[in-house]
Amino acid sequence: MLLTLIVIASQFADQDPGPDKRELIIQHASLGLIFLVLMLTRLLWRNLNQNPIHSYSLQPWQKLAAISLHRSIYVILLTQCVLGLLILLTSGEPVHFFDWLAWPPLFAKADALYEAVRGLHYLVSVMIYPLFAVHITAAIYHQIFGLVEEHD
């Protein structure tokens, strides 16, 4: 879903305003709302269950790095979702959920805040890439060299 959000955002990023761009933004925002719910559900599930990293035979620094990386990814993705919500709320436009629902604007357009939040949303989006590069690299490393599960 994250890749879909990135692809949609890249399609409308440099597009001139118009109905096509508006439709892509509505799709992006709607999927972003679903993504936020899924992330919160995943975070709840993660906090209610034991972290599987503790069952692997890894160096303490590797466990710390893995836990820190995952937490950083959660923080960045949740921050991105909240910033996306703020963009919707400060745009002065109706908030659409695909073509099914449209809520009237909750607030008048706050130009300065809207532009600041859009800038932060972009900045945070750029921060996602290196985190996932490290995550994918670590996953490949552990796929090649293996993780050993400890059994009591």
C-alpha atoms as a PDB file:
ATOM      1  CA  MET A   1       0.000   0.000   0.000  1.00  0.00           C
ATOM      2  CA  LEU A   2       2.889   2.323   0.759  1.00  0.00           C
ATOM      3  CA  LEU A   3       4.311   1.767  -2.719  1.00  0.00           C
ATOM      4  CA  THR A   4       0.898   2.568  -4.209  1.00  0.00           C
ATOM      5  CA  LEU A   5       0.773   5.816  -2.222  1.00  0.00           C
ATOM      6  CA  ILE A   6       4.260   6.738  -3.435  1.00  0.00           C
ATOM      7  CA  VAL A   7       3.416   5.958  -7.083  1.00  0.00           C
ATOM      8  CA  ILE A   8       0.198   7.988  -6.973  1.00  0.00           C
ATOM      9  CA  ALA A   9       1.974  10.936  -5.309  1.00  0.00           C
ATOM     10  CA  SER A  10       4.724  10.853  -7.922  1.00  0.00           C
ATOM     11  CA  GLN A  11       2.088  11.024 -10.670  1.00  0.00           C
ATOM     12  CA  PHE A  12       0.464  14.221  -9.423  1.00  0.00           C
ATOM     13  CA  ALA A  13       3.495  15.945  -7.898  1.00  0.00           C
ATOM     14  CA  ASP A  14       4.412  17.950 -10.998  1.00  0.00           C
ATOM     15  CA  GLN A  15       1.013  17.968 -12.664  1.00  0.00           C
ATOM     16  CA  ASP A  16      -0.864  21.195 -13.348  1.00  0.00           C
ATOM     17  CA  PRO A  17      -4.098  21.702 -11.393  1.00  0.00           C
ATOM     18  CA  GLY A  18      -7.098  20.066 -13.013  1.00  0.00           C
ATOM     19  CA  PRO A  19      -9.591  17.220 -12.677  1.00  0.00           C
ATOM     20  CA  ASP A  20      -6.981  14.497 -13.276  1.00  0.00           C
ATOM     21  CA  LYS A  21      -4.701  15.828 -10.552  1.00  0.00           C
ATOM     22  CA  ARG A  22      -7.657  16.267  -8.209  1.00  0.00           C
ATOM     23  CA  GLU A  23      -8.707  12.644  -8.745  1.00  0.00           C
ATOM     24  CA  LEU A  24      -5.178  11.393  -8.018  1.00  0.00           C
ATOM     25  CA  ILE A  25      -5.041  13.510  -4.852  1.00  0.00           C
ATOM     26  CA  ILE A  26      -8.387  12.084  -3.715  1.00  0.00           C
ATOM     27  CA  GLN A  27      -7.108   8.537  -4.334  1.00  0.00           C
ATOM     28  CA  HIS A  28      -3.857   9.292  -2.509  1.00  0.00           C
ATOM     29  CA  ALA A  29      -5.652  10.856   0.473  1.00  0.00           C
ATOM     30  CA  SER A  30      -8.223   8.046   0.660  1.00  0.00           C
ATOM     31  CA  LEU A  31      -5.561   5.352   0.563  1.00  0.00           C
ATOM     32  CA  GLY A  32      -3.577   7.373   3.098  1.00  0.00           C
ATOM     33  CA  LEU A  33      -6.523   7.273   5.502  1.00  0.00           C
ATOM     34  CA  ILE A  34      -6.780   3.493   5.077  1.00  0.00           C
ATOM     35  CA  PHE A  35      -3.014   3.235   5.543  1.00  0.00           C
ATOM     36  CA  LEU A  36      -3.257   5.211   8.807  1.00  0.00           C
ATOM     37  CA  VAL A  37      -5.919   2.843  10.158  1.00  0.00           C
ATOM     38  CA  LEU A  38      -3.816  -0.173   9.136  1.00  0.00           C
ATOM     39  CA  MET A  39      -0.699   1.323  10.740  1.00  0.00           C
ATOM     40  CA  LEU A  40      -2.525   2.011  14.005  1.00  0.00           C
ATOM     41  CA  THR A  41      -3.965  -1.519  13.962  1.00  0.00           C
ATOM     42  CA  ARG A  42      -0.504  -2.963  13.270  1.00  0.00           C
ATOM     43  CA  LEU A  43       1.000  -0.878  16.069  1.00  0.00           C
ATOM     44  CA  LEU A  44      -1.681  -2.073  18.491  1.00  0.00           C
ATOM     45  CA  TRP A  45      -1.046  -5.679  17.443  1.00  0.00           C
ATOM     46  CA  ARG A  46       2.725  -5.182  17.829  1.00  0.00           C
ATOM     47  CA  ASN A  47       2.278  -3.820  21.363  1.00  0.00           C
ATOM     48  CA  LEU A  48      -0.006  -6.692  22.380  1.00  0.00           C
ATOM     49  CA  ASN A  49       2.395  -9.386  21.160  1.00  0.00           C
ATOM     50  CA  GLN A  50       6.010 -10.224  21.864  1.00  0.00           C
ATOM     51  CA  ASN A  51       8.515  -8.790  19.424  1.00  0.00           C
ATOM     52  CA  PRO A  52       9.918 -11.729  17.397  1.00  0.00           C
ATOM     53  CA  ILE A  53      13.376 -10.129  17.414  1.00  0.00           C
ATOM     54  CA  HIS A  54      13.809 -11.442  20.965  1.00  0.00           C
ATOM     55  CA  SER A  55      13.598 -15.053  19.727  1.00  0.00           C
ATOM     56  CA  TYR A  56      16.574 -14.676  17.375  1.00  0.00           C
ATOM     57  CA  SER A  57      20.205 -15.230  18.195  1.00  0.00           C
ATOM     58  CA  LEU A  58      21.630 -11.834  17.298  1.00  0.00           C
ATOM     59  CA  GLN A  59      24.258  -9.578  18.721  1.00  0.00           C
ATOM     60  CA  PRO A  60      22.760  -7.063  21.177  1.00  0.00           C
ATOM     61  CA  TRP A  61      23.685  -4.184  18.847  1.00  0.00           C
ATOM     62  CA  GLN A  62      21.806  -5.899  15.988  1.00  0.00           C
ATOM     63  CA  LYS A  63      18.674  -6.267  18.122  1.00  0.00           C
ATOM     64  CA  LEU A  64      18.946  -2.622  19.176  1.00  0.00           C
ATOM     65  CA  ALA A  65      19.450  -1.545  15.557  1.00  0.00           C
ATOM     66  CA  ALA A  66      16.464  -3.598  14.372  1.00  0.00           C
ATOM     67  CA  ILE A  67      14.155  -2.293  17.091  1.00  0.00           C
ATOM     68  CA  SER A  68      15.337   1.294  16.527  1.00  0.00           C
ATOM     69  CA  LEU A  69      14.859   1.015  12.773  1.00  0.00           C
ATOM     70  CA  HIS A  70      11.346  -0.387  13.111  1.00  0.00           C
ATOM     71  CA  ARG A  71      10.380   2.303  15.614  1.00  0.00           C
ATOM     72  CA  SER A  72      11.800   4.978  13.313  1.00  0.00           C
ATOM     73  CA  ILE A  73       9.768   3.606  10.421  1.00  0.00           C
ATOM     74  CA  TYR A  74       6.601   3.664  12.535  1.00  0.00           C
ATOM     75  CA  VAL A  75       7.276   7.238  13.682  1.00  0.00           C
ATOM     76  CA  ILE A  76       7.981   8.470  10.147  1.00  0.00           C
ATOM     77  CA  LEU A  77       4.963   6.720   8.593  1.00  0.00           C
ATOM     78  CA  LEU A  78       2.558   7.831  11.330  1.00  0.00           C
ATOM     79  CA  THR A  79       3.927  11.380  11.144  1.00  0.00           C
ATOM     80  CA  GLN A  80       3.405  11.302   7.380  1.00  0.00           C
ATOM     81  CA  CYS A  81      -0.212  10.205   7.849  1.00  0.00           C
ATOM     82  CA  VAL A  82      -0.904  12.922  10.421  1.00  0.00           C
ATOM     83  CA  LEU A  83       0.640  15.549   8.140  1.00  0.00           C
ATOM     84  CA  GLY A  84      -1.544  14.263   5.294  1.00  0.00           C
ATOM     85  CA  LEU A  85      -4.603  14.679   7.514  1.00  0.00           C
ATOM     86  CA  LEU A  86      -3.520  18.203   8.373  1.00  0.00           C
ATOM     87  CA  ILE A  87      -3.183  18.997   4.671  1.00  0.00           C
ATOM     88  CA  LEU A  88      -6.762  17.849   4.141  1.00  0.00           C
ATOM     89  CA  LEU A  89      -8.035  19.822   7.123  1.00  0.00           C
ATOM     90  CA  THR A  90      -6.212  23.075   6.283  1.00  0.00           C
ATOM     91  CA  SER A  91      -6.955  23.028   2.540  1.00  0.00           C
ATOM     92  CA  GLY A  92     -10.409  24.562   2.889  1.00  0.00           C
ATOM     93  CA  GLU A  93     -11.644  21.879   0.475  1.00  0.00           C
ATOM     94  CA  PRO A  94     -14.135  19.076   1.117  1.00  0.00           C
ATOM     95  CA  VAL A  95     -12.502  15.914   2.402  1.00  0.00           C
ATOM     96  CA  HIS A  96     -13.228  13.043   0.033  1.00  0.00           C
ATOM     97  CA  PHE A  97     -13.015   9.327   0.669  1.00  0.00           C
ATOM     98  CA  PHE A  98     -12.731   7.981  -2.847  1.00  0.00           C
ATOM     99  CA  ASP A  99     -16.013   8.745  -4.640  1.00  0.00           C
ATOM    100  CA  TRP A 100     -18.106   7.378  -1.800  1.00  0.00           C
ATOM    101  CA  LEU A 101     -18.077  10.146   0.789  1.00  0.00           C
ATOM    102  CA  ALA A 102     -17.341  13.842   0.905  1.00  0.00           C
ATOM    103  CA  TRP A 103     -17.215  15.805   4.116  1.00  0.00           C
ATOM    104  CA  PRO A 104     -17.576  19.565   3.910  1.00  0.00           C
ATOM    105  CA  PRO A 105     -14.490  21.569   4.847  1.00  0.00           C
ATOM    106  CA  LEU A 106     -14.031  21.544   8.594  1.00  0.00           C
ATOM    107  CA  PHE A 107     -11.952  24.732   8.586  1.00  0.00           C
ATOM    108  CA  ALA A 108     -11.418  27.691   6.302  1.00  0.00           C
ATOM    109  CA  LYS A 109      -8.259  27.488   4.209  1.00  0.00           C
ATOM    110  CA  ALA A 110      -5.231  28.451   6.247  1.00  0.00           C
ATOM    111  CA  ASP A 111      -2.762  29.285   3.468  1.00  0.00           C
ATOM    112  CA  ALA A 112       0.398  29.646   5.564  1.00  0.00           C
ATOM    113  CA  LEU A 113      -0.297  26.550   7.662  1.00  0.00           C
ATOM    114  CA  TYR A 114      -1.396  24.587   4.600  1.00  0.00           C
ATOM    115  CA  GLU A 115       1.826  25.388   2.729  1.00  0.00           C
ATOM    116  CA  ALA A 116       3.982  24.652   5.781  1.00  0.00           C
ATOM    117  CA  VAL A 117       2.310  21.278   6.324  1.00  0.00           C
ATOM    118  CA  ARG A 118       2.643  20.421   2.622  1.00  0.00           C
ATOM    119  CA  GLY A 119       6.363  21.189   2.825  1.00  0.00           C
ATOM    120  CA  LEU A 120       6.748  18.997   5.912  1.00  0.00           C
ATOM    121  CA  HIS A 121       4.756  16.212   4.233  1.00  0.00           C
ATOM    122  CA  TYR A 122       7.208  16.285   1.339  1.00  0.00           C
ATOM    123  CA  LEU A 123      10.249  16.405   3.644  1.00  0.00           C
ATOM    124  CA  VAL A 124       9.045  13.415   5.651  1.00  0.00           C
ATOM    125  CA  SER A 125       8.305  11.519   2.421  1.00  0.00           C
ATOM    126  CA  VAL A 126      11.968  11.892   1.468  1.00  0.00           C
ATOM    127  CA  MET A 127      12.996  10.515   4.873  1.00  0.00           C
ATOM    128  CA  ILE A 128      11.096   7.280   4.206  1.00  0.00           C
ATOM    129  CA  TYR A 129      13.443   6.164   1.413  1.00  0.00           C
ATOM    130  CA  PRO A 130      16.687   5.784   3.379  1.00  0.00           C
ATOM    131  CA  LEU A 131      14.892   4.007   6.219  1.00  0.00           C
ATOM    132  CA  PHE A 132      13.444   1.468   3.822  1.00  0.00           C
ATOM    133  CA  ALA A 133      16.779   1.091   2.046  1.00  0.00           C
ATOM    134  CA  VAL A 134      18.398   0.147   5.359  1.00  0.00           C
ATOM    135  CA  HIS A 135      15.459  -2.141   6.201  1.00  0.00           C
ATOM    136  CA  ILE A 136      15.627  -3.937   2.853  1.00  0.00           C
ATOM    137  CA  THR A 137      19.422  -4.237   3.092  1.00  0.00           C
ATOM    138  CA  ALA A 138      19.130  -5.775   6.566  1.00  0.00           C
ATOM    139  CA  ALA A 139      16.402  -8.158   5.360  1.00  0.00           C
ATOM    140  CA  ILE A 140      18.605  -9.298   2.468  1.00  0.00           C
ATOM    141  CA  TYR A 141      21.578  -9.689   4.829  1.00  0.00           C
ATOM    142  CA  HIS A 142      19.536 -11.870   7.192  1.00  0.00           C
ATOM    143  CA  GLN A 143      18.107 -13.832   4.283  1.00  0.00           C
ATOM    144  CA  ILE A 144      21.616 -14.658   3.073  1.00  0.00           C
ATOM    145  CA  PHE A 145      23.274 -15.236   6.448  1.00  0.00           C
ATOM    146  CA  GLY A 146      20.147 -16.437   8.223  1.00  0.00           C
ATOM    147  CA  LEU A 147      18.566 -15.771  11.566  1.00  0.00           C
ATOM    148  CA  VAL A 148      18.869 -18.466  14.195  1.00  0.00           C
ATOM    149  CA  GLU A 149      15.843 -18.903  16.437  1.00  0.00           C
ATOM    150  CA  GLU A 150      16.621 -19.597  20.064  1.00  0.00           C
ATOM    151  CA  HIS A 151      14.581 -22.338  21.708  1.00  0.00           C
ATOM    152  CA  ASP A 152      14.171 -22.834  25.432  1.00  0.00           C
END
